[in-house]
Amino acid sequence: MFTMDQVSSHISKADCWFVIGGKVYDVTNFLEEHPGGEEVLLEASGGDATQDFESVGHSTAAQGMMETYLVGVLEGFKGDITPIKKETTGAKQEKTAFKEIPASVVKDNESSFFTKLLQFLVPLLIVAVAFGIRSFLKESQTSS
C-alpha cells in the first residue's frame, strides 16, 4: 500500500511510477517499449494517470499487460486487485521487438482504358446534350 506522496517521488526515467484506478504501477522497464513513446509515461509519472489512460482507449492486450507492472495500491483503495486473466496457452510468451518501417504510398499513375474512354466521351456527351437543347429551344421559338 502506497501514499500519493510516495508515488510522487518516482518521476524519472530511471524510476517511473503512476496511479491508474487506485492501483500503483512501476513502468520503468516499459518506457522504451511504450508505443506512444516514453515521454507520455514520464509526463504522467508521480501522479494519477487514470484519466489519461482511459481517454486514449487502450486495447485489451494493453490492459492485460498492466498486471506485469502493478506494484501495489493507493492508500484507501477499496477495489478489486485480482489479476486479469491472460488468454495464453500456458507457454511463456516472448516479447516481440517492433521494427520501425517507413510508410509509403503506392500510386498507380496509369488509368485504365475504360477510364480514359469515359474522360473523353462524357464531355462530348454533355456538349451534345447542350447543343440538342439549344436547337430544340430555337425550333420552339420559331414555330410560335
N, C-alpha and C. Protein backbone atom coordinates (compact mmCIF):
# COMPACT_ATOMS: atom_id res chain seq x y z
N MET A 1 0.85 -1.17 0.00
CA MET A 1 0.00 0.00 0.00
C MET A 1 0.90 1.24 0.00
N PHE A 2 0.55 2.18 -0.89
CA PHE A 2 1.38 3.38 -1.04
C PHE A 2 0.53 4.63 -0.84
N THR A 3 1.21 5.71 -0.45
CA THR A 3 0.54 7.01 -0.37
C THR A 3 0.85 7.76 -1.66
N MET A 4 0.09 8.78 -1.94
CA MET A 4 0.34 9.58 -3.14
C MET A 4 1.68 10.29 -3.02
N ASP A 5 2.09 10.64 -1.81
CA ASP A 5 3.42 11.26 -1.61
C ASP A 5 4.53 10.31 -2.02
N GLN A 6 4.37 9.02 -1.70
CA GLN A 6 5.39 8.04 -2.10
C GLN A 6 5.44 7.91 -3.62
N VAL A 7 4.29 7.84 -4.25
CA VAL A 7 4.23 7.70 -5.71
C VAL A 7 4.84 8.93 -6.37
N SER A 8 4.59 10.11 -5.82
CA SER A 8 5.06 11.35 -6.44
C SER A 8 6.58 11.49 -6.43
N SER A 9 7.28 10.65 -5.68
CA SER A 9 8.75 10.72 -5.68
C SER A 9 9.37 9.89 -6.80
N HIS A 10 8.57 9.15 -7.54
CA HIS A 10 9.07 8.29 -8.63
C HIS A 10 8.75 8.94 -9.97
N ILE A 11 9.55 9.92 -10.36
CA ILE A 11 9.23 10.73 -11.54
C ILE A 11 10.36 10.83 -12.56
N SER A 12 11.23 9.85 -12.57
CA SER A 12 12.36 9.94 -13.50
C SER A 12 12.36 8.77 -14.46
N LYS A 13 13.22 8.87 -15.45
CA LYS A 13 13.36 7.80 -16.43
C LYS A 13 13.89 6.53 -15.78
N ALA A 14 14.64 6.69 -14.71
CA ALA A 14 15.21 5.55 -14.00
C ALA A 14 14.25 4.97 -12.96
N ASP A 15 13.17 5.69 -12.68
CA ASP A 15 12.22 5.27 -11.65
C ASP A 15 10.88 5.94 -11.91
N CYS A 16 10.02 5.30 -12.70
CA CYS A 16 8.76 5.92 -13.17
C CYS A 16 7.55 5.15 -12.67
N TRP A 17 6.78 5.80 -11.77
CA TRP A 17 5.57 5.21 -11.23
C TRP A 17 4.40 6.14 -11.48
N PHE A 18 3.20 5.57 -11.53
CA PHE A 18 1.98 6.36 -11.51
C PHE A 18 0.81 5.51 -11.07
N VAL A 19 -0.34 6.17 -10.88
CA VAL A 19 -1.54 5.51 -10.39
C VAL A 19 -2.58 5.49 -11.50
N ILE A 20 -3.21 4.33 -11.67
CA ILE A 20 -4.35 4.22 -12.59
C ILE A 20 -5.44 3.46 -11.83
N GLY A 21 -6.56 4.10 -11.63
CA GLY A 21 -7.69 3.47 -10.95
C GLY A 21 -7.38 3.02 -9.54
N GLY A 22 -6.53 3.74 -8.84
CA GLY A 22 -6.19 3.39 -7.45
C GLY A 22 -5.08 2.36 -7.33
N LYS A 23 -4.59 1.85 -8.46
CA LYS A 23 -3.51 0.87 -8.47
C LYS A 23 -2.20 1.56 -8.86
N VAL A 24 -1.12 1.17 -8.21
CA VAL A 24 0.18 1.80 -8.44
C VAL A 24 1.01 0.92 -9.37
N TYR A 25 1.54 1.55 -10.41
CA TYR A 25 2.32 0.83 -11.42
C TYR A 25 3.73 1.41 -11.52
N ASP A 26 4.71 0.51 -11.60
CA ASP A 26 6.10 0.89 -11.86
C ASP A 26 6.37 0.53 -13.31
N VAL A 27 6.39 1.53 -14.19
CA VAL A 27 6.53 1.29 -15.63
C VAL A 27 7.93 1.61 -16.14
N THR A 28 8.89 1.66 -15.22
CA THR A 28 10.27 2.00 -15.60
C THR A 28 10.79 1.11 -16.73
N ASN A 29 10.54 -0.19 -16.63
CA ASN A 29 11.04 -1.12 -17.64
C ASN A 29 10.21 -1.14 -18.92
N PHE A 30 9.11 -0.41 -18.93
CA PHE A 30 8.23 -0.37 -20.11
C PHE A 30 8.40 0.91 -20.92
N LEU A 31 9.17 1.86 -20.40
CA LEU A 31 9.30 3.17 -21.05
C LEU A 31 9.69 3.07 -22.51
N GLU A 32 10.71 2.29 -22.82
CA GLU A 32 11.21 2.20 -24.19
C GLU A 32 10.27 1.41 -25.10
N GLU A 33 9.43 0.56 -24.51
CA GLU A 33 8.53 -0.28 -25.31
C GLU A 33 7.18 0.39 -25.57
N HIS A 34 6.86 1.43 -24.84
CA HIS A 34 5.53 2.05 -24.97
C HIS A 34 5.33 2.59 -26.38
N PRO A 35 4.26 2.14 -27.07
CA PRO A 35 4.02 2.56 -28.45
C PRO A 35 3.85 4.07 -28.62
N GLY A 36 3.36 4.74 -27.58
CA GLY A 36 3.15 6.19 -27.66
C GLY A 36 4.39 6.99 -27.31
N GLY A 37 5.48 6.30 -26.96
CA GLY A 37 6.72 6.97 -26.60
C GLY A 37 6.85 7.11 -25.10
N GLU A 38 8.07 7.14 -24.64
CA GLU A 38 8.32 7.23 -23.20
C GLU A 38 7.91 8.57 -22.60
N GLU A 39 7.89 9.61 -23.43
CA GLU A 39 7.54 10.95 -22.93
C GLU A 39 6.14 10.97 -22.32
N VAL A 40 5.22 10.23 -22.93
CA VAL A 40 3.83 10.18 -22.44
C VAL A 40 3.80 9.63 -21.02
N LEU A 41 4.55 8.56 -20.78
CA LEU A 41 4.58 7.95 -19.46
C LEU A 41 5.31 8.84 -18.45
N LEU A 42 6.39 9.46 -18.89
CA LEU A 42 7.14 10.34 -17.99
C LEU A 42 6.33 11.55 -17.55
N GLU A 43 5.50 12.08 -18.46
CA GLU A 43 4.65 13.22 -18.11
C GLU A 43 3.64 12.84 -17.04
N ALA A 44 3.18 11.60 -17.06
CA ALA A 44 2.18 11.14 -16.09
C ALA A 44 2.81 10.64 -14.80
N SER A 45 4.12 10.46 -14.79
CA SER A 45 4.78 9.87 -13.63
C SER A 45 4.57 10.69 -12.37
N GLY A 46 4.46 9.94 -11.27
CA GLY A 46 4.31 10.57 -9.96
C GLY A 46 2.91 11.02 -9.64
N GLY A 47 1.96 10.77 -10.52
CA GLY A 47 0.60 11.25 -10.28
C GLY A 47 -0.45 10.22 -10.67
N ASP A 48 -1.69 10.70 -10.70
CA ASP A 48 -2.82 9.85 -11.08
C ASP A 48 -3.02 9.97 -12.59
N ALA A 49 -2.78 8.88 -13.31
CA ALA A 49 -2.87 8.87 -14.77
C ALA A 49 -4.15 8.20 -15.26
N THR A 50 -5.12 8.01 -14.37
CA THR A 50 -6.35 7.30 -14.72
C THR A 50 -7.05 7.94 -15.91
N GLN A 51 -7.27 9.23 -15.84
CA GLN A 51 -8.00 9.92 -16.91
C GLN A 51 -7.23 9.86 -18.22
N ASP A 52 -5.93 10.05 -18.18
CA ASP A 52 -5.11 9.98 -19.39
C ASP A 52 -5.18 8.59 -20.01
N PHE A 53 -5.06 7.57 -19.18
CA PHE A 53 -5.07 6.19 -19.67
C PHE A 53 -6.42 5.85 -20.31
N GLU A 54 -7.49 6.23 -19.65
CA GLU A 54 -8.82 5.89 -20.15
C GLU A 54 -9.20 6.69 -21.39
N SER A 55 -8.72 7.92 -21.50
CA SER A 55 -9.08 8.75 -22.66
C SER A 55 -8.43 8.27 -23.95
N VAL A 56 -7.34 7.55 -23.84
CA VAL A 56 -6.65 7.05 -25.03
C VAL A 56 -7.36 5.84 -25.62
N GLY A 57 -8.04 5.07 -24.80
CA GLY A 57 -8.74 3.88 -25.31
C GLY A 57 -7.78 2.75 -25.61
N HIS A 58 -7.07 2.29 -24.60
CA HIS A 58 -6.10 1.22 -24.77
C HIS A 58 -6.78 -0.11 -25.11
N SER A 59 -6.08 -0.94 -25.84
CA SER A 59 -6.59 -2.25 -26.25
C SER A 59 -6.66 -3.20 -25.05
N THR A 60 -7.35 -4.32 -25.24
CA THR A 60 -7.44 -5.34 -24.21
C THR A 60 -6.04 -5.88 -23.90
N ALA A 61 -5.22 -6.02 -24.93
CA ALA A 61 -3.86 -6.51 -24.74
C ALA A 61 -3.06 -5.55 -23.86
N ALA A 62 -3.22 -4.25 -24.10
CA ALA A 62 -2.50 -3.25 -23.30
C ALA A 62 -2.97 -3.31 -21.85
N GLN A 63 -4.26 -3.46 -21.66
CA GLN A 63 -4.81 -3.55 -20.30
C GLN A 63 -4.31 -4.81 -19.61
N GLY A 64 -4.16 -5.88 -20.37
CA GLY A 64 -3.65 -7.13 -19.81
C GLY A 64 -2.20 -7.03 -19.39
N MET A 65 -1.43 -6.21 -20.07
CA MET A 65 -0.02 -6.03 -19.74
C MET A 65 0.18 -5.28 -18.42
N MET A 66 -0.82 -4.54 -18.01
CA MET A 66 -0.69 -3.70 -16.82
C MET A 66 -0.35 -4.52 -15.57
N GLU A 67 -0.88 -5.73 -15.50
CA GLU A 67 -0.63 -6.59 -14.33
C GLU A 67 0.86 -6.78 -14.08
N THR A 68 1.62 -6.84 -15.17
CA THR A 68 3.07 -7.05 -15.08
C THR A 68 3.75 -5.94 -14.28
N TYR A 69 3.22 -4.73 -14.36
CA TYR A 69 3.86 -3.57 -13.76
C TYR A 69 3.20 -3.11 -12.46
N LEU A 70 2.18 -3.83 -11.99
CA LEU A 70 1.48 -3.50 -10.76
C LEU A 70 2.38 -3.76 -9.56
N VAL A 71 2.57 -2.73 -8.72
CA VAL A 71 3.41 -2.88 -7.53
C VAL A 71 2.62 -2.73 -6.23
N GLY A 72 1.38 -2.29 -6.33
CA GLY A 72 0.57 -2.15 -5.13
C GLY A 72 -0.64 -1.29 -5.40
N VAL A 73 -1.27 -0.84 -4.32
CA VAL A 73 -2.45 0.01 -4.43
C VAL A 73 -2.24 1.28 -3.63
N LEU A 74 -3.04 2.25 -3.95
CA LEU A 74 -3.00 3.53 -3.26
C LEU A 74 -3.73 3.39 -1.93
N GLU A 75 -3.22 4.05 -0.94
CA GLU A 75 -3.83 4.02 0.38
C GLU A 75 -5.31 4.39 0.29
N GLY A 76 -6.17 3.58 0.87
CA GLY A 76 -7.60 3.82 0.83
C GLY A 76 -8.30 3.15 -0.35
N PHE A 77 -7.55 2.44 -1.18
CA PHE A 77 -8.13 1.74 -2.33
C PHE A 77 -9.05 0.63 -1.85
N LYS A 78 -10.25 0.58 -2.40
CA LYS A 78 -11.21 -0.43 -1.98
C LYS A 78 -11.66 -1.32 -3.15
N GLY A 79 -10.99 -1.25 -4.28
CA GLY A 79 -11.38 -2.01 -5.46
C GLY A 79 -10.82 -3.41 -5.46
N ASP A 80 -11.00 -4.07 -6.58
CA ASP A 80 -10.56 -5.45 -6.79
C ASP A 80 -9.13 -5.44 -7.33
N ILE A 81 -8.26 -6.24 -6.73
CA ILE A 81 -6.89 -6.32 -7.23
C ILE A 81 -6.57 -7.71 -7.77
N THR A 82 -7.61 -8.50 -8.08
CA THR A 82 -7.36 -9.81 -8.67
C THR A 82 -6.77 -9.62 -10.05
N PRO A 83 -5.80 -10.43 -10.39
CA PRO A 83 -5.14 -10.26 -11.69
C PRO A 83 -6.09 -10.51 -12.85
N ILE A 84 -5.82 -9.84 -13.94
CA ILE A 84 -6.58 -10.02 -15.17
C ILE A 84 -6.17 -11.35 -15.78
N LYS A 85 -7.15 -12.18 -16.16
CA LYS A 85 -6.83 -13.48 -16.77
C LYS A 85 -6.26 -13.25 -18.15
N LYS A 86 -5.13 -13.86 -18.40
CA LYS A 86 -4.49 -13.73 -19.71
C LYS A 86 -4.93 -14.89 -20.58
N GLU A 87 -5.19 -14.58 -21.84
CA GLU A 87 -5.58 -15.62 -22.80
C GLU A 87 -4.32 -16.18 -23.44
N THR A 88 -3.70 -17.11 -22.74
CA THR A 88 -2.49 -17.72 -23.27
C THR A 88 -2.65 -19.23 -23.22
N THR A 89 -1.78 -19.91 -23.90
CA THR A 89 -1.82 -21.37 -23.93
C THR A 89 -0.98 -21.96 -22.80
N GLY A 90 -0.46 -21.13 -21.95
CA GLY A 90 0.37 -21.60 -20.86
C GLY A 90 1.85 -21.49 -21.18
N ALA A 91 2.18 -21.39 -22.44
CA ALA A 91 3.57 -21.24 -22.83
C ALA A 91 4.03 -19.82 -22.57
N LYS A 92 5.27 -19.68 -22.24
CA LYS A 92 5.82 -18.35 -21.99
C LYS A 92 5.87 -17.58 -23.31
N GLN A 93 5.29 -16.39 -23.29
CA GLN A 93 5.29 -15.59 -24.50
C GLN A 93 6.57 -14.76 -24.57
N GLU A 94 7.14 -14.73 -25.75
CA GLU A 94 8.33 -13.93 -25.95
C GLU A 94 7.92 -12.53 -26.37
N LYS A 95 8.72 -11.55 -25.94
CA LYS A 95 8.44 -10.18 -26.37
C LYS A 95 8.91 -10.02 -27.79
N THR A 96 8.07 -9.43 -28.59
CA THR A 96 8.41 -9.20 -29.99
C THR A 96 8.96 -7.80 -30.12
N ALA A 97 10.11 -7.70 -30.71
CA ALA A 97 10.69 -6.38 -30.94
C ALA A 97 10.01 -5.76 -32.16
N PHE A 98 9.55 -4.55 -31.99
CA PHE A 98 8.90 -3.87 -33.09
C PHE A 98 9.94 -3.08 -33.86
N LYS A 99 9.86 -3.19 -35.16
CA LYS A 99 10.80 -2.50 -36.02
C LYS A 99 10.07 -1.37 -36.72
N GLU A 100 10.67 -0.20 -36.73
CA GLU A 100 10.05 0.92 -37.42
C GLU A 100 10.22 0.72 -38.92
N ILE A 101 9.11 0.83 -39.63
CA ILE A 101 9.12 0.67 -41.07
C ILE A 101 8.60 1.96 -41.68
N PRO A 102 9.34 2.55 -42.60
CA PRO A 102 8.85 3.79 -43.20
C PRO A 102 7.60 3.54 -44.04
N ALA A 103 6.66 4.42 -43.92
CA ALA A 103 5.41 4.29 -44.67
C ALA A 103 5.60 4.83 -46.08
N SER A 104 4.94 4.20 -47.01
CA SER A 104 4.99 4.69 -48.38
C SER A 104 3.64 4.46 -49.03
N VAL A 105 3.35 5.26 -50.02
CA VAL A 105 2.08 5.15 -50.73
C VAL A 105 2.37 4.68 -52.14
N VAL A 106 1.66 3.65 -52.55
CA VAL A 106 1.81 3.16 -53.91
C VAL A 106 0.69 3.78 -54.73
N LYS A 107 1.06 4.50 -55.77
CA LYS A 107 0.08 5.19 -56.59
C LYS A 107 0.19 4.69 -58.02
N ASP A 108 -0.94 4.27 -58.54
CA ASP A 108 -0.97 3.79 -59.91
C ASP A 108 -1.29 4.99 -60.80
N ASN A 109 -0.30 5.48 -61.52
CA ASN A 109 -0.48 6.66 -62.35
C ASN A 109 -1.16 6.35 -63.68
N GLU A 110 -1.18 5.11 -64.07
CA GLU A 110 -1.74 4.76 -65.37
C GLU A 110 -3.22 4.44 -65.24
N SER A 111 -4.07 5.19 -65.94
CA SER A 111 -5.51 4.96 -65.91
C SER A 111 -5.86 3.80 -66.83
N SER A 112 -6.97 3.14 -66.52
CA SER A 112 -7.41 2.03 -67.35
C SER A 112 -8.01 2.57 -68.65
N PHE A 113 -8.19 1.70 -69.63
CA PHE A 113 -8.75 2.08 -70.93
C PHE A 113 -10.16 2.64 -70.74
N PHE A 114 -10.96 1.98 -69.89
CA PHE A 114 -12.34 2.42 -69.67
C PHE A 114 -12.37 3.83 -69.08
N THR A 115 -11.47 4.13 -68.14
CA THR A 115 -11.42 5.47 -67.53
C THR A 115 -11.06 6.52 -68.57
N LYS A 116 -10.10 6.20 -69.41
CA LYS A 116 -9.70 7.14 -70.46
C LYS A 116 -10.85 7.38 -71.44
N LEU A 117 -11.57 6.33 -71.78
CA LEU A 117 -12.70 6.44 -72.69
C LEU A 117 -13.79 7.33 -72.09
N LEU A 118 -14.09 7.12 -70.81
CA LEU A 118 -15.10 7.95 -70.14
C LEU A 118 -14.66 9.41 -70.07
N GLN A 119 -13.38 9.63 -69.81
CA GLN A 119 -12.88 11.00 -69.73
C GLN A 119 -13.02 11.72 -71.08
N PHE A 120 -13.03 10.97 -72.16
CA PHE A 120 -13.18 11.55 -73.49
C PHE A 120 -14.66 11.71 -73.86
N LEU A 121 -15.47 10.67 -73.58
CA LEU A 121 -16.85 10.66 -74.03
C LEU A 121 -17.81 11.51 -73.18
N VAL A 122 -17.62 11.58 -71.89
CA VAL A 122 -18.54 12.33 -71.03
C VAL A 122 -18.59 13.81 -71.41
N PRO A 123 -17.47 14.49 -71.60
CA PRO A 123 -17.56 15.90 -72.03
C PRO A 123 -18.25 16.04 -73.40
N LEU A 124 -17.98 15.11 -74.32
CA LEU A 124 -18.65 15.16 -75.63
C LEU A 124 -20.15 14.99 -75.49
N LEU A 125 -20.56 14.09 -74.62
CA LEU A 125 -21.98 13.86 -74.38
C LEU A 125 -22.64 15.10 -73.79
N ILE A 126 -21.97 15.76 -72.88
CA ILE A 126 -22.51 16.99 -72.28
C ILE A 126 -22.69 18.08 -73.34
N VAL A 127 -21.69 18.24 -74.21
CA VAL A 127 -21.77 19.23 -75.28
C VAL A 127 -22.91 18.87 -76.24
N ALA A 128 -23.04 17.60 -76.56
CA ALA A 128 -24.10 17.16 -77.49
C ALA A 128 -25.48 17.43 -76.89
N VAL A 129 -25.67 17.15 -75.62
CA VAL A 129 -26.96 17.40 -74.97
C VAL A 129 -27.24 18.90 -74.93
N ALA A 130 -26.26 19.70 -74.61
CA ALA A 130 -26.44 21.15 -74.58
C ALA A 130 -26.81 21.68 -75.97
N PHE A 131 -26.13 21.18 -76.99
CA PHE A 131 -26.43 21.60 -78.37
C PHE A 131 -27.84 21.17 -78.77
N GLY A 132 -28.25 19.97 -78.38
CA GLY A 132 -29.58 19.47 -78.70
C GLY A 132 -30.66 20.31 -78.02
N ILE A 133 -30.46 20.67 -76.77
CA ILE A 133 -31.43 21.52 -76.05
C ILE A 133 -31.52 22.89 -76.72
N ARG A 134 -30.39 23.42 -77.10
CA ARG A 134 -30.36 24.74 -77.75
C ARG A 134 -31.13 24.70 -79.07
N SER A 135 -30.88 23.65 -79.86
CA SER A 135 -31.57 23.52 -81.15
C SER A 135 -33.07 23.35 -80.95
N PHE A 136 -33.48 22.56 -79.94
CA PHE A 136 -34.89 22.35 -79.65
C PHE A 136 -35.56 23.66 -79.25
N LEU A 137 -34.87 24.44 -78.40
CA LEU A 137 -35.44 25.71 -77.97
C LEU A 137 -35.55 26.70 -79.11
N LYS A 138 -34.61 26.72 -80.07
CA LYS A 138 -34.66 27.60 -81.22
C LYS A 138 -35.85 27.24 -82.09
N GLU A 139 -36.07 25.93 -82.33
CA GLU A 139 -37.19 25.48 -83.14
C GLU A 139 -38.51 25.83 -82.48
N SER A 140 -38.57 25.74 -81.15
CA SER A 140 -39.79 26.07 -80.41
C SER A 140 -40.12 27.55 -80.55
N GLN A 141 -39.10 28.40 -80.56
CA GLN A 141 -39.32 29.86 -80.66
C GLN A 141 -39.76 30.26 -82.07
N THR A 142 -39.18 29.62 -83.08
CA THR A 142 -39.51 29.95 -84.46
C THR A 142 -40.89 29.45 -84.86
N SER A 143 -41.35 28.37 -84.27
CA SER A 143 -42.67 27.84 -84.61
C SER A 143 -43.79 28.59 -83.89
N SER A 144 -43.47 29.37 -82.89
CA SER A 144 -44.50 30.10 -82.14
C SER A 144 -44.94 31.33 -82.79
